Amino acid sequence: MCNRYETPEVWEVERFWHIGRHNQLSWPRQVFPRAPGPFIRRARDASGYERELVVGQWALIPWFAKTAKLTFSTNNARAEELAAKATFKDPWKRGQRCIIPAASFDEPNWESGKNQWWQFRRADGDPWGPAGLWSTWTDKATGEVHESYTMLTLNADHHPLMNRMHKPDPKLPPDQQDKRSVIPIELGDVDQWLAGTIEEAQQLLKLTPVEVFDAGPIMEPG
């Protein structure tokens, strides 16, 4: 799972994912759960297929929520459970898929016995486009509309890099830890992810080869 990442600048998102120009949006460069961040989805009001850039809360607000301030974590969603989980099954069924622009993301490494944060960038210098789901929730009391999104994860117990992240569970064997990884969508697959059928989207739920990563410990100042 991912609990913090860094976003590109607005112009970088526009240029890389071809989303028009001069989007009047802003967001913090470092994004944490329940903070605002950007995501790209199929434009809701377009007659044909277009992409649009949106800013919303990084923690999906489900349709049944009584308030936008959730008491449970929804910033990550297990891809293997999307069709069954009450929080995520409707956005998944409706094709509310999105791309989450990320310059880098961080994960905790516990191989030394204590947490050492690692940062993950792409070896080719391009931004990441992790797969996500989005939702629009309206406060019945005020009429205020809230955009939100979640980042999908996939089991990475057998990935040579991502299985080294996160604190191991001593009660589970090494090959059954349910280590998690984000699911980057390659640029050439964006249209299939945003506009394809559920079956076509399912084909893209796979781990990224280790050679794509440029990863290592974050050196703390001092």
Protein backbone atom coordinates (compact mmCIF):
# COMPACT_ATOMS: atom_id res chain seq x y z
CA MET A 1 0.00 0.00 0.00
CA CYS A 2 1.03 3.59 -0.48
CA ASN A 3 0.55 6.36 2.07
CA ARG A 4 2.49 9.23 0.56
CA TYR A 5 3.59 10.35 -2.88
CA GLU A 6 4.82 13.40 -4.76
CA THR A 7 2.92 14.89 -7.69
CA PRO A 8 4.21 16.48 -10.90
CA GLU A 9 3.52 20.14 -11.67
CA VAL A 10 0.26 20.98 -13.47
CA TRP A 11 2.04 21.66 -16.77
CA GLU A 12 3.86 18.32 -16.53
CA VAL A 13 0.56 16.48 -16.10
CA GLU A 14 -0.98 18.38 -19.03
CA ARG A 15 1.94 17.64 -21.32
CA PHE A 16 2.54 13.99 -20.43
CA TRP A 17 -1.09 12.84 -20.40
CA HIS A 18 -2.32 15.30 -23.11
CA ILE A 19 -5.00 17.05 -21.05
CA GLY A 20 -5.41 20.44 -22.65
CA ARG A 21 -3.58 23.47 -21.30
CA HIS A 22 -3.88 26.01 -18.50
CA ASN A 23 -6.00 23.95 -16.12
CA GLN A 24 -6.74 26.31 -13.24
CA LEU A 25 -6.04 23.76 -10.53
CA SER A 26 -3.62 23.49 -7.65
CA TRP A 27 -2.61 20.83 -5.14
CA PRO A 28 0.20 20.15 -2.66
CA ARG A 29 3.26 18.49 -4.18
CA GLN A 30 3.43 15.98 -1.31
CA VAL A 31 0.13 14.12 -0.93
CA PHE A 32 -0.99 12.19 2.15
CA PRO A 33 -4.26 10.32 2.86
CA ARG A 34 -7.31 12.62 3.09
CA ALA A 35 -5.35 15.48 1.49
CA PRO A 36 -6.21 16.90 -1.97
CA GLY A 37 -4.47 15.47 -5.00
CA PRO A 38 -4.93 15.34 -8.79
CA PHE A 39 -6.39 12.51 -10.81
CA ILE A 40 -7.23 11.99 -14.50
CA ARG A 41 -10.50 10.42 -15.59
CA ARG A 42 -12.69 10.14 -18.64
CA ALA A 43 -14.46 13.51 -18.90
CA ARG A 44 -17.91 13.21 -17.36
CA ASP A 45 -19.69 15.79 -19.52
CA ALA A 46 -18.01 15.21 -22.89
CA SER A 47 -20.11 13.74 -25.70
CA GLY A 48 -17.15 11.68 -26.89
CA TYR A 49 -14.02 10.39 -25.22
CA GLU A 50 -11.87 13.05 -23.55
CA ARG A 51 -9.64 13.14 -20.51
CA GLU A 52 -10.10 15.63 -17.71
CA LEU A 53 -7.94 16.64 -14.77
CA VAL A 54 -9.65 16.80 -11.38
CA VAL A 55 -8.58 17.54 -7.82
CA GLY A 56 -10.13 15.51 -5.04
CA GLN A 57 -9.52 13.91 -1.66
CA TRP A 58 -7.10 10.99 -1.59
CA ALA A 59 -9.49 8.68 0.28
CA LEU A 60 -12.54 7.59 -1.64
CA ILE A 61 -15.87 8.65 -0.12
CA PRO A 62 -18.41 5.86 -0.81
CA TRP A 63 -22.02 6.57 -1.71
CA PHE A 64 -23.27 5.32 1.67
CA ALA A 65 -21.04 7.65 3.74
CA LYS A 66 -22.91 9.93 6.15
CA THR A 67 -20.07 12.45 6.20
CA ALA A 68 -17.02 13.28 4.10
CA LYS A 69 -14.83 12.77 7.20
CA LEU A 70 -14.37 9.02 7.13
CA THR A 71 -13.50 6.93 10.17
CA PHE A 72 -11.92 4.18 8.06
CA SER A 73 -9.08 4.14 5.52
CA THR A 74 -9.96 4.24 1.82
CA ASN A 75 -6.84 5.74 0.21
CA ASN A 76 -5.83 2.26 -1.02
CA ALA A 77 -7.99 -0.52 -2.46
CA ARG A 78 -6.97 -4.15 -3.03
CA ALA A 79 -7.46 -4.84 -6.73
CA GLU A 80 -8.34 -8.46 -6.00
CA GLU A 81 -11.37 -7.34 -3.94
CA LEU A 82 -12.83 -4.50 -6.02
CA ALA A 83 -15.93 -6.39 -7.17
CA ALA A 84 -16.81 -7.50 -3.62
CA LYS A 85 -15.99 -4.60 -1.30
CA ALA A 86 -18.95 -2.31 -0.57
CA THR A 87 -16.79 0.81 -0.67
CA PHE A 88 -15.34 0.13 -4.12
CA LYS A 89 -17.67 -2.21 -6.02
CA ASP A 90 -19.96 0.48 -7.46
CA PRO A 91 -17.15 2.70 -8.86
CA TRP A 92 -15.52 -0.43 -10.28
CA LYS A 93 -18.76 -1.67 -11.84
CA ARG A 94 -19.49 1.76 -13.34
CA GLY A 95 -16.04 2.12 -14.88
CA GLN A 96 -15.05 5.08 -12.65
CA ARG A 97 -11.36 4.43 -13.19
CA CYS A 98 -8.65 7.07 -13.01
CA ILE A 99 -4.93 7.71 -13.36
CA ILE A 100 -3.12 9.27 -10.39
CA PRO A 101 -0.14 11.38 -11.55
CA ALA A 102 2.90 10.78 -9.36
CA ALA A 103 6.48 11.96 -9.78
CA SER A 104 7.47 9.46 -7.09
CA PHE A 105 5.99 7.43 -4.26
CA ASP A 106 7.43 6.26 -0.95
CA GLU A 107 7.29 2.91 0.81
CA PRO A 108 8.64 1.71 4.19
CA ASN A 109 11.45 -0.85 4.26
CA TRP A 110 11.90 -2.85 7.50
CA GLU A 111 14.82 -5.10 6.53
CA SER A 112 17.04 -3.50 9.19
CA GLY A 113 14.45 -4.02 11.92
CA LYS A 114 13.25 -0.41 11.80
CA ASN A 115 11.57 1.70 9.15
CA GLN A 116 13.74 3.16 6.39
CA TRP A 117 11.68 5.07 3.82
CA TRP A 118 12.44 4.28 0.19
CA GLN A 119 11.52 6.47 -2.75
CA PHE A 120 10.39 5.03 -6.08
CA ARG A 121 10.86 6.88 -9.37
CA ARG A 122 10.88 5.61 -12.94
CA ALA A 123 14.25 4.75 -14.44
CA ASP A 124 13.26 6.52 -17.68
CA GLY A 125 12.47 9.78 -15.86
CA ASP A 126 8.77 9.78 -16.76
CA PRO A 127 6.09 10.22 -14.10
CA TRP A 128 4.12 7.28 -12.73
CA GLY A 129 0.43 6.81 -13.50
CA PRO A 130 -0.92 4.54 -10.74
CA ALA A 131 -4.35 3.04 -11.31
CA GLY A 132 -7.22 4.33 -9.19
CA LEU A 133 -10.97 4.64 -8.80
CA TRP A 134 -12.85 7.91 -8.32
CA SER A 135 -16.16 8.88 -6.75
CA THR A 136 -18.33 11.98 -6.48
CA TRP A 137 -20.24 12.34 -3.20
CA THR A 138 -22.78 15.07 -2.37
CA ASP A 139 -23.47 16.24 1.18
CA LYS A 140 -27.25 16.04 1.51
CA ALA A 141 -27.30 18.72 4.20
CA THR A 142 -25.30 21.37 2.35
CA GLY A 143 -25.33 20.28 -1.31
CA GLU A 144 -21.52 20.46 -1.36
CA VAL A 145 -19.95 18.12 -3.91
CA HIS A 146 -16.82 16.18 -2.92
CA GLU A 147 -14.52 14.53 -5.45
CA SER A 148 -12.38 11.70 -4.11
CA TYR A 149 -10.21 8.80 -5.29
CA THR A 150 -8.39 5.68 -4.15
CA MET A 151 -5.13 4.10 -5.35
CA LEU A 152 -5.27 0.42 -6.33
CA THR A 153 -2.77 -2.13 -5.02
CA LEU A 154 -1.89 -5.67 -5.98
CA ASN A 155 -0.24 -8.53 -4.08
CA ALA A 156 3.54 -8.33 -4.53
CA ASP A 157 4.77 -11.27 -2.44
CA HIS A 158 6.76 -12.58 -5.42
CA HIS A 159 7.98 -9.25 -6.85
CA PRO A 160 11.77 -9.02 -6.32
CA LEU A 161 11.64 -5.36 -5.27
CA MET A 162 8.18 -4.59 -3.89
CA ASN A 163 8.15 -7.67 -1.66
CA ARG A 164 10.94 -6.04 0.35
CA MET A 165 8.69 -3.18 1.42
CA HIS A 166 6.45 -2.88 4.50
CA LYS A 167 6.78 -4.46 7.92
CA PRO A 168 6.64 -8.27 7.79
CA ASP A 169 3.99 -10.15 9.74
CA PRO A 170 5.83 -12.69 11.94
CA LYS A 171 2.71 -14.87 12.05
CA LEU A 172 2.77 -15.47 8.28
CA PRO A 173 5.27 -17.38 6.10
CA PRO A 174 7.58 -15.28 3.88
CA ASP A 175 5.70 -16.11 0.68
CA GLN A 176 2.27 -15.28 2.13
CA GLN A 177 2.79 -11.81 3.57
CA ASP A 178 0.37 -9.99 1.25
CA LYS A 179 2.95 -7.30 0.51
CA ARG A 180 1.27 -4.68 -1.69
CA SER A 181 2.32 -2.62 -4.70
CA VAL A 182 0.69 0.21 -6.60
CA ILE A 183 -0.31 -0.64 -10.19
CA PRO A 184 1.23 1.80 -12.67
CA ILE A 185 -0.64 2.17 -15.97
CA GLU A 186 1.71 2.71 -18.90
CA LEU A 187 1.05 5.71 -21.13
CA GLY A 188 -0.02 3.56 -24.08
CA ASP A 189 -2.62 1.79 -21.92
CA VAL A 190 -4.31 4.89 -20.47
CA ASP A 191 -7.25 4.90 -22.90
CA GLN A 192 -7.90 1.21 -22.27
CA TRP A 193 -7.87 1.84 -18.52
CA LEU A 194 -10.10 4.91 -18.61
CA ALA A 195 -12.56 3.87 -21.32
CA GLY A 196 -12.31 0.11 -21.75
CA THR A 197 -14.63 -2.59 -20.49
CA ILE A 198 -14.16 -4.16 -17.06
CA GLU A 199 -12.52 -7.13 -18.76
CA GLU A 200 -10.11 -4.85 -20.66
CA ALA A 201 -9.29 -2.94 -17.49
CA GLN A 202 -8.71 -6.20 -15.61
CA GLN A 203 -5.96 -7.08 -18.10
CA LEU A 204 -3.95 -4.07 -16.89
CA LEU A 205 -3.97 -5.06 -13.23
CA LYS A 206 -0.41 -6.37 -13.12
CA LEU A 207 2.89 -5.60 -11.44
CA THR A 208 5.57 -3.49 -13.10
CA PRO A 209 8.88 -5.20 -14.05
CA VAL A 210 11.70 -4.45 -11.63
CA GLU A 211 13.87 -2.81 -14.32
CA VAL A 212 11.34 0.04 -14.67
CA PHE A 213 12.08 1.22 -11.12
CA ASP A 214 14.69 3.65 -9.86
CA ALA A 215 14.38 3.02 -6.13
CA GLY A 216 16.46 3.46 -3.02
CA PRO A 217 16.53 4.69 0.58
CA ILE A 218 15.67 8.30 1.28
CA MET A 219 18.67 9.93 2.90
CA GLU A 220 17.54 11.94 5.90
CA PRO A 221 19.20 15.36 6.38
CA GLY A 222 21.70 15.67 9.17
